């Protein structure tokens, strides 16, 4: 069953500040992540609660997300420059 894509408001604010072409590129990748989350995980990191979250590096950004399989949601938690 298809999972739902949930995006933190801070991620949306970050994307809104980007030029349209780059913003669309990243939105498309977020949709791809929702389709198959584990195919895009480059490495695991811990969130503030100690839970493992996936990190995908793309277009100069590190995209942190959590595949909440029980709720059928892929939650995009954070996006920041990949050099951080």
PDB file of N, CA and C in Angstrom:
ATOM      1  N   UNK A   1       0.840  -1.177   0.000  1.00  0.00           N
ATOM      2  CA  UNK A   1       0.000   0.000   0.000  1.00  0.00           C
ATOM      3  C   UNK A   1       0.892   1.248   0.000  1.00  0.00           C
ATOM      4  N   UNK A   2       0.479   2.250  -0.730  1.00  0.00           N
ATOM      5  CA  UNK A   2       1.238   3.489  -0.852  1.00  0.00           C
ATOM      6  C   UNK A   2       1.265   4.231   0.487  1.00  0.00           C
ATOM      7  N   UNK A   3       2.443   4.764   0.798  1.00  0.00           N
ATOM      8  CA  UNK A   3       2.587   5.529   2.018  1.00  0.00           C
ATOM      9  C   UNK A   3       2.330   7.008   1.741  1.00  0.00           C
ATOM     10  N   UNK A   4       1.959   7.695   2.774  1.00  0.00           N
ATOM     11  CA  UNK A   4       1.667   9.117   2.683  1.00  0.00           C
ATOM     12  C   UNK A   4       2.918   9.922   3.024  1.00  0.00           C
ATOM     13  N   UNK A   5       3.142  11.001   2.319  1.00  0.00           N
ATOM     14  CA  UNK A   5       4.283  11.875   2.546  1.00  0.00           C
ATOM     15  C   UNK A   5       3.870  13.009   3.477  1.00  0.00           C
ATOM     16  N   UNK A   6       4.541  13.101   4.621  1.00  0.00           N
ATOM     17  CA  UNK A   6       4.310  14.193   5.565  1.00  0.00           C
ATOM     18  C   UNK A   6       5.598  15.001   5.677  1.00  0.00           C
ATOM     19  N   UNK A   7       5.487  16.313   5.584  1.00  0.00           N
ATOM     20  CA  UNK A   7       6.661  17.182   5.537  1.00  0.00           C
ATOM     21  C   UNK A   7       6.562  18.228   6.645  1.00  0.00           C
ATOM     22  N   UNK A   8       7.627  18.359   7.426  1.00  0.00           N
ATOM     23  CA  UNK A   8       7.672  19.360   8.493  1.00  0.00           C
ATOM     24  C   UNK A   8       7.583  20.760   7.897  1.00  0.00           C
ATOM     25  N   UNK A   9       6.940  21.656   8.608  1.00  0.00           N
ATOM     26  CA  UNK A   9       6.764  23.021   8.125  1.00  0.00           C
ATOM     27  C   UNK A   9       8.117  23.701   7.891  1.00  0.00           C
ATOM     28  N   UNK A  10       9.129  23.397   8.685  1.00  0.00           N
ATOM     29  CA  UNK A  10      10.457  23.980   8.493  1.00  0.00           C
ATOM     30  C   UNK A  10      11.062  23.557   7.157  1.00  0.00           C
ATOM     31  N   UNK A  11      10.769  22.341   6.739  1.00  0.00           N
ATOM     32  CA  UNK A  11      11.253  21.861   5.442  1.00  0.00           C
ATOM     33  C   UNK A  11      10.565  22.630   4.322  1.00  0.00           C
ATOM     34  N   UNK A  12       9.274  22.838   4.456  1.00  0.00           N
ATOM     35  CA  UNK A  12       8.525  23.592   3.442  1.00  0.00           C
ATOM     36  C   UNK A  12       9.059  25.021   3.354  1.00  0.00           C
ATOM     37  N   UNK A  13       9.333  25.630   4.496  1.00  0.00           N
ATOM     38  CA  UNK A  13       9.880  26.994   4.498  1.00  0.00           C
ATOM     39  C   UNK A  13      11.233  27.038   3.797  1.00  0.00           C
ATOM     40  N   UNK A  14      12.063  26.046   4.046  1.00  0.00           N
ATOM     41  CA  UNK A  14      13.367  25.974   3.382  1.00  0.00           C
ATOM     42  C   UNK A  14      13.192  25.847   1.871  1.00  0.00           C
ATOM     43  N   UNK A  15      12.296  24.968   1.454  1.00  0.00           N
ATOM     44  CA  UNK A  15      12.085  24.760   0.022  1.00  0.00           C
ATOM     45  C   UNK A  15      11.529  26.000  -0.656  1.00  0.00           C
ATOM     46  N   UNK A  16      10.668  26.734   0.027  1.00  0.00           N
ATOM     47  CA  UNK A  16      10.090  27.953  -0.552  1.00  0.00           C
ATOM     48  C   UNK A  16      11.147  29.018  -0.817  1.00  0.00           C
ATOM     49  N   UNK A  17      12.269  28.947  -0.104  1.00  0.00           N
ATOM     50  CA  UNK A  17      13.319  29.948  -0.281  1.00  0.00           C
ATOM     51  C   UNK A  17      14.239  29.636  -1.464  1.00  0.00           C
ATOM     52  N   UNK A  18      14.077  28.470  -2.072  1.00  0.00           N
ATOM     53  CA  UNK A  18      14.948  28.051  -3.172  1.00  0.00           C
ATOM     54  C   UNK A  18      14.418  28.528  -4.524  1.00  0.00           C
ATOM     55  N   UNK A  19      15.293  28.634  -5.507  1.00  0.00           N
ATOM     56  CA  UNK A  19      14.831  28.934  -6.869  1.00  0.00           C
ATOM     57  C   UNK A  19      13.874  27.825  -7.345  1.00  0.00           C
ATOM     58  N   UNK A  20      12.907  28.159  -8.168  1.00  0.00           N
ATOM     59  CA  UNK A  20      11.882  27.193  -8.579  1.00  0.00           C
ATOM     60  C   UNK A  20      12.431  25.875  -9.144  1.00  0.00           C
ATOM     61  N   UNK A  21      13.434  25.924  -9.980  1.00  0.00           N
ATOM     62  CA  UNK A  21      13.947  24.681 -10.588  1.00  0.00           C
ATOM     63  C   UNK A  21      14.523  23.752  -9.519  1.00  0.00           C
ATOM     64  N   UNK A  22      15.274  24.324  -8.593  1.00  0.00           N
ATOM     65  CA  UNK A  22      15.875  23.496  -7.531  1.00  0.00           C
ATOM     66  C   UNK A  22      14.801  22.993  -6.571  1.00  0.00           C
ATOM     67  N   UNK A  23      13.839  23.838  -6.255  1.00  0.00           N
ATOM     68  CA  UNK A  23      12.730  23.454  -5.378  1.00  0.00           C
ATOM     69  C   UNK A  23      11.960  22.270  -5.978  1.00  0.00           C
ATOM     70  N   UNK A  24      11.648  22.350  -7.279  1.00  0.00           N
ATOM     71  CA  UNK A  24      10.923  21.262  -7.943  1.00  0.00           C
ATOM     72  C   UNK A  24      11.737  19.979  -7.959  1.00  0.00           C
ATOM     73  N   UNK A  25      13.040  20.091  -8.161  1.00  0.00           N
ATOM     74  CA  UNK A  25      13.916  18.928  -8.146  1.00  0.00           C
ATOM     75  C   UNK A  25      13.839  18.205  -6.800  1.00  0.00           C
ATOM     76  N   UNK A  26      13.887  18.978  -5.730  1.00  0.00           N
ATOM     77  CA  UNK A  26      13.843  18.379  -4.392  1.00  0.00           C
ATOM     78  C   UNK A  26      12.454  17.831  -4.080  1.00  0.00           C
ATOM     79  N   UNK A  27      11.403  18.548  -4.446  1.00  0.00           N
ATOM     80  CA  UNK A  27      10.045  18.020  -4.238  1.00  0.00           C
ATOM     81  C   UNK A  27       9.861  16.671  -4.946  1.00  0.00           C
ATOM     82  N   UNK A  28      10.379  16.576  -6.156  1.00  0.00           N
ATOM     83  CA  UNK A  28      10.284  15.302  -6.879  1.00  0.00           C
ATOM     84  C   UNK A  28      11.019  14.196  -6.129  1.00  0.00           C
ATOM     85  N   UNK A  29      12.193  14.522  -5.566  1.00  0.00           N
ATOM     86  CA  UNK A  29      12.926  13.510  -4.812  1.00  0.00           C
ATOM     87  C   UNK A  29      12.171  13.119  -3.540  1.00  0.00           C
ATOM     88  N   UNK A  30      11.524  14.064  -2.876  1.00  0.00           N
ATOM     89  CA  UNK A  30      10.744  13.726  -1.687  1.00  0.00           C
ATOM     90  C   UNK A  30       9.619  12.759  -2.037  1.00  0.00           C
ATOM     91  N   UNK A  31       8.998  12.963  -3.179  1.00  0.00           N
ATOM     92  CA  UNK A  31       7.948  12.035  -3.625  1.00  0.00           C
ATOM     93  C   UNK A  31       8.524  10.647  -3.910  1.00  0.00           C
ATOM     94  N   UNK A  32       9.718  10.603  -4.489  1.00  0.00           N
ATOM     95  CA  UNK A  32      10.382   9.316  -4.746  1.00  0.00           C
ATOM     96  C   UNK A  32      10.724   8.619  -3.434  1.00  0.00           C
ATOM     97  N   UNK A  33      11.182   9.380  -2.458  1.00  0.00           N
ATOM     98  CA  UNK A  33      11.480   8.804  -1.145  1.00  0.00           C
ATOM     99  C   UNK A  33      10.224   8.185  -0.556  1.00  0.00           C
ATOM    100  N   UNK A  34       9.092   8.862  -0.690  1.00  0.00           N
ATOM    101  CA  UNK A  34       7.833   8.326  -0.162  1.00  0.00           C
ATOM    102  C   UNK A  34       7.452   7.011  -0.828  1.00  0.00           C
ATOM    103  N   UNK A  35       7.779   6.872  -2.110  1.00  0.00           N
ATOM    104  CA  UNK A  35       7.464   5.638  -2.843  1.00  0.00           C
ATOM    105  C   UNK A  35       8.299   4.452  -2.372  1.00  0.00           C
ATOM    106  N   UNK A  36       9.565   4.705  -2.058  1.00  0.00           N
ATOM    107  CA  UNK A  36      10.473   3.619  -1.681  1.00  0.00           C
ATOM    108  C   UNK A  36      11.553   4.169  -0.734  1.00  0.00           C
ATOM    109  N   UNK A  37      11.211   4.383   0.521  1.00  0.00           N
ATOM    110  CA  UNK A  37      12.100   5.080   1.448  1.00  0.00           C
ATOM    111  C   UNK A  37      13.482   4.449   1.606  1.00  0.00           C
ATOM    112  N   UNK A  38      13.551   3.145   1.661  1.00  0.00           N
ATOM    113  CA  UNK A  38      14.831   2.502   1.937  1.00  0.00           C
ATOM    114  C   UNK A  38      15.777   2.529   0.737  1.00  0.00           C
ATOM    115  N   UNK A  39      15.269   2.775  -0.433  1.00  0.00           N
ATOM    116  CA  UNK A  39      16.127   2.841  -1.618  1.00  0.00           C
ATOM    117  C   UNK A  39      16.972   4.109  -1.634  1.00  0.00           C
ATOM    118  N   UNK A  40      16.579   5.123  -0.851  1.00  0.00           N
ATOM    119  CA  UNK A  40      17.271   6.404  -0.892  1.00  0.00           C
ATOM    120  C   UNK A  40      18.102   6.696   0.356  1.00  0.00           C
ATOM    121  N   UNK A  41      18.085   5.822   1.318  1.00  0.00           N
ATOM    122  CA  UNK A  41      18.824   6.054   2.556  1.00  0.00           C
ATOM    123  C   UNK A  41      20.324   5.900   2.309  1.00  0.00           C
ATOM    124  N   UNK A  42      21.070   6.974   2.539  1.00  0.00           N
ATOM    125  CA  UNK A  42      22.522   6.927   2.407  1.00  0.00           C
ATOM    126  C   UNK A  42      23.182   6.503   3.708  1.00  0.00           C
ATOM    127  N   UNK A  43      22.589   6.901   4.828  1.00  0.00           N
ATOM    128  CA  UNK A  43      23.092   6.476   6.129  1.00  0.00           C
ATOM    129  C   UNK A  43      22.040   6.745   7.195  1.00  0.00           C
ATOM    130  N   UNK A  44      22.256   6.205   8.391  1.00  0.00           N
ATOM    131  CA  UNK A  44      21.349   6.412   9.513  1.00  0.00           C
ATOM    132  C   UNK A  44      21.953   7.421  10.472  1.00  0.00           C
ATOM    133  N   UNK A  45      21.086   8.196  11.111  1.00  0.00           N
ATOM    134  CA  UNK A  45      21.483   9.140  12.149  1.00  0.00           C
ATOM    135  C   UNK A  45      20.455   9.027  13.275  1.00  0.00           C
ATOM    136  N   UNK A  46      20.765   9.581  14.406  1.00  0.00           N
ATOM    137  CA  UNK A  46      19.833   9.594  15.542  1.00  0.00           C
ATOM    138  C   UNK A  46      19.080  10.919  15.571  1.00  0.00           C
ATOM    139  N   UNK A  47      17.803  10.860  15.910  1.00  0.00           N
ATOM    140  CA  UNK A  47      17.056  12.102  16.112  1.00  0.00           C
ATOM    141  C   UNK A  47      17.187  12.511  17.576  1.00  0.00           C
ATOM    142  N   UNK A  48      16.468  13.528  17.987  1.00  0.00           N
ATOM    143  CA  UNK A  48      16.594  14.046  19.354  1.00  0.00           C
ATOM    144  C   UNK A  48      16.124  13.056  20.418  1.00  0.00           C
ATOM    145  N   UNK A  49      15.340  12.055  20.025  1.00  0.00           N
ATOM    146  CA  UNK A  49      14.876  11.046  20.979  1.00  0.00           C
ATOM    147  C   UNK A  49      15.729   9.788  20.957  1.00  0.00           C
ATOM    148  N   UNK A  50      16.733   9.760  20.081  1.00  0.00           N
ATOM    149  CA  UNK A  50      17.600   8.586  19.980  1.00  0.00           C
ATOM    150  C   UNK A  50      17.140   7.559  18.955  1.00  0.00           C
ATOM    151  N   UNK A  51      16.063   7.850  18.257  1.00  0.00           N
ATOM    152  CA  UNK A  51      15.540   6.945  17.233  1.00  0.00           C
ATOM    153  C   UNK A  51      16.375   7.081  15.967  1.00  0.00           C
ATOM    154  N   UNK A  52      16.588   5.965  15.274  1.00  0.00           N
ATOM    155  CA  UNK A  52      17.273   5.994  13.983  1.00  0.00           C
ATOM    156  C   UNK A  52      16.382   6.643  12.931  1.00  0.00           C
ATOM    157  N   UNK A  53      16.961   7.581  12.180  1.00  0.00           N
ATOM    158  CA  UNK A  53      16.274   8.176  11.034  1.00  0.00           C
ATOM    159  C   UNK A  53      17.193   8.041   9.826  1.00  0.00           C
ATOM    160  N   UNK A  54      16.605   7.962   8.668  1.00  0.00           N
ATOM    161  CA  UNK A  54      17.366   7.860   7.429  1.00  0.00           C
ATOM    162  C   UNK A  54      17.802   9.241   6.973  1.00  0.00           C
ATOM    163  N   UNK A  55      18.959   9.277   6.324  1.00  0.00           N
ATOM    164  CA  UNK A  55      19.467  10.524   5.749  1.00  0.00           C
ATOM    165  C   UNK A  55      19.818  10.249   4.291  1.00  0.00           C
ATOM    166  N   UNK A  56      19.332  11.119   3.427  1.00  0.00           N
ATOM    167  CA  UNK A  56      19.626  11.021   2.001  1.00  0.00           C
ATOM    168  C   UNK A  56      20.280  12.328   1.570  1.00  0.00           C
ATOM    169  N   UNK A  57      21.432  12.243   0.917  1.00  0.00           N
ATOM    170  CA  UNK A  57      22.130  13.423   0.432  1.00  0.00           C
ATOM    171  C   UNK A  57      21.787  13.595  -1.042  1.00  0.00           C
ATOM    172  N   UNK A  58      21.253  14.791  -1.365  1.00  0.00           N
ATOM    173  CA  UNK A  58      20.785  15.046  -2.723  1.00  0.00           C
ATOM    174  C   UNK A  58      20.816  16.545  -3.012  1.00  0.00           C
ATOM    175  N   UNK A  59      21.347  16.913  -4.145  1.00  0.00           N
ATOM    176  CA  UNK A  59      21.355  18.308  -4.630  1.00  0.00           C
ATOM    177  C   UNK A  59      21.923  19.276  -3.591  1.00  0.00           C
ATOM    178  N   UNK A  60      22.928  18.831  -2.858  1.00  0.00           N
ATOM    179  CA  UNK A  60      23.571  19.689  -1.872  1.00  0.00           C
ATOM    180  C   UNK A  60      22.879  19.746  -0.526  1.00  0.00           C
ATOM    181  N   UNK A  61      21.869  18.912  -0.321  1.00  0.00           N
ATOM    182  CA  UNK A  61      21.130  18.898   0.937  1.00  0.00           C
ATOM    183  C   UNK A  61      21.154  17.509   1.571  1.00  0.00           C
ATOM    184  N   UNK A  62      21.103  17.501   2.890  1.00  0.00           N
ATOM    185  CA  UNK A  62      20.892  16.270   3.643  1.00  0.00           C
ATOM    186  C   UNK A  62      19.426  16.259   4.063  1.00  0.00           C
ATOM    187  N   UNK A  63      18.715  15.258   3.607  1.00  0.00           N
ATOM    188  CA  UNK A  63      17.284  15.126   3.888  1.00  0.00           C
ATOM    189  C   UNK A  63      17.116  14.034   4.936  1.00  0.00           C
ATOM    190  N   UNK A  64      16.626  14.422   6.113  1.00  0.00           N
ATOM    191  CA  UNK A  64      16.418  13.462   7.212  1.00  0.00           C
ATOM    192  C   UNK A  64      14.944  13.064   7.213  1.00  0.00           C
ATOM    193  N   UNK A  65      14.702  11.763   7.230  1.00  0.00           N
ATOM    194  CA  UNK A  65      13.316  11.292   7.194  1.00  0.00           C
ATOM    195  C   UNK A  65      13.163  10.004   7.980  1.00  0.00           C
ATOM    196  N   UNK A  66      11.922   9.709   8.305  1.00  0.00           N
ATOM    197  CA  UNK A  66      11.593   8.520   9.079  1.00  0.00           C
ATOM    198  C   UNK A  66      10.463   7.790   8.366  1.00  0.00           C
ATOM    199  N   UNK A  67      10.687   6.531   8.111  1.00  0.00           N
ATOM    200  CA  UNK A  67       9.662   5.673   7.523  1.00  0.00           C
ATOM    201  C   UNK A  67       8.829   5.104   8.664  1.00  0.00           C
ATOM    202  N   UNK A  68       7.689   5.726   8.930  1.00  0.00           N
ATOM    203  CA  UNK A  68       6.787   5.276   9.992  1.00  0.00           C
ATOM    204  C   UNK A  68       5.844   4.239   9.389  1.00  0.00           C
ATOM    205  N   UNK A  69       6.364   3.030   9.281  1.00  0.00           N
ATOM    206  CA  UNK A  69       5.638   1.952   8.596  1.00  0.00           C
ATOM    207  C   UNK A  69       4.281   1.682   9.242  1.00  0.00           C
ATOM    208  N   UNK A  70       4.226   1.732  10.565  1.00  0.00           N
ATOM    209  CA  UNK A  70       2.975   1.428  11.266  1.00  0.00           C
ATOM    210  C   UNK A  70       1.860   2.395  10.870  1.00  0.00           C
ATOM    211  N   UNK A  71       2.205   3.659  10.683  1.00  0.00           N
ATOM    212  CA  UNK A  71       1.213   4.671  10.292  1.00  0.00           C
ATOM    213  C   UNK A  71       1.094   4.847   8.783  1.00  0.00           C
ATOM    214  N   UNK A  72       1.964   4.161   8.029  1.00  0.00           N
ATOM    215  CA  UNK A  72       2.028   4.293   6.576  1.00  0.00           C
ATOM    216  C   UNK A  72       2.352   5.731   6.154  1.00  0.00           C
ATOM    217  N   UNK A  73       3.304   6.324   6.876  1.00  0.00           N
ATOM    218  CA  UNK A  73       3.758   7.677   6.588  1.00  0.00           C
ATOM    219  C   UNK A  73       5.260   7.675   6.391  1.00  0.00           C
ATOM    220  N   UNK A  74       5.726   8.465   5.451  1.00  0.00           N
ATOM    221  CA  UNK A  74       7.142   8.808   5.370  1.00  0.00           C
ATOM    222  C   UNK A  74       7.203  10.262   5.796  1.00  0.00           C
ATOM    223  N   UNK A  75       7.902  10.491   6.893  1.00  0.00           N
ATOM    224  CA  UNK A  75       7.939  11.818   7.502  1.00  0.00           C
ATOM    225  C   UNK A  75       9.272  12.490   7.193  1.00  0.00           C
ATOM    226  N   UNK A  76       9.211  13.591   6.452  1.00  0.00           N
ATOM    227  CA  UNK A  76      10.402  14.379   6.156  1.00  0.00           C
ATOM    228  C   UNK A  76      10.587  15.330   7.334  1.00  0.00           C
ATOM    229  N   UNK A  77      11.633  15.092   8.098  1.00  0.00           N
ATOM    230  CA  UNK A  77      11.827  15.798   9.358  1.00  0.00           C
ATOM    231  C   UNK A  77      12.656  17.063   9.235  1.00  0.00           C
ATOM    232  N   UNK A  78      13.660  17.023   8.344  1.00  0.00           N
ATOM    233  CA  UNK A  78      14.594  18.141   8.280  1.00  0.00           C
ATOM    234  C   UNK A  78      15.319  18.120   6.940  1.00  0.00           C
ATOM    235  N   UNK A  79      15.678  19.292   6.479  1.00  0.00           N
ATOM    236  CA  UNK A  79      16.536  19.418   5.303  1.00  0.00           C
ATOM    237  C   UNK A  79      17.529  20.529   5.618  1.00  0.00           C
ATOM    238  N   UNK A  80      18.798  20.228   5.387  1.00  0.00           N
ATOM    239  CA  UNK A  80      19.837  21.232   5.646  1.00  0.00           C
ATOM    240  C   UNK A  80      20.967  21.022   4.670  1.00  0.00           C
ATOM    241  N   UNK A  81      21.823  22.012   4.556  1.00  0.00           N
ATOM    242  CA  UNK A  81      22.975  21.891   3.670  1.00  0.00           C
ATOM    243  C   UNK A  81      23.778  20.657   4.002  1.00  0.00           C
ATOM    244  N   UNK A  82      24.199  19.932   2.991  1.00  0.00           N
ATOM    245  CA  UNK A  82      24.891  18.653   3.201  1.00  0.00           C
ATOM    246  C   UNK A  82      26.271  18.831   3.801  1.00  0.00           C
ATOM    247  N   UNK A  83      26.809  20.019   3.780  1.00  0.00           N
ATOM    248  CA  UNK A  83      28.146  20.239   4.320  1.00  0.00           C
ATOM    249  C   UNK A  83      28.153  20.470   5.821  1.00  0.00           C
ATOM    250  N   UNK A  84      26.991  20.485   6.468  1.00  0.00           N
ATOM    251  CA  UNK A  84      26.895  20.711   7.913  1.00  0.00           C
ATOM    252  C   UNK A  84      27.233  19.472   8.685  1.00  0.00           C
TER     253      UNK A  84
END
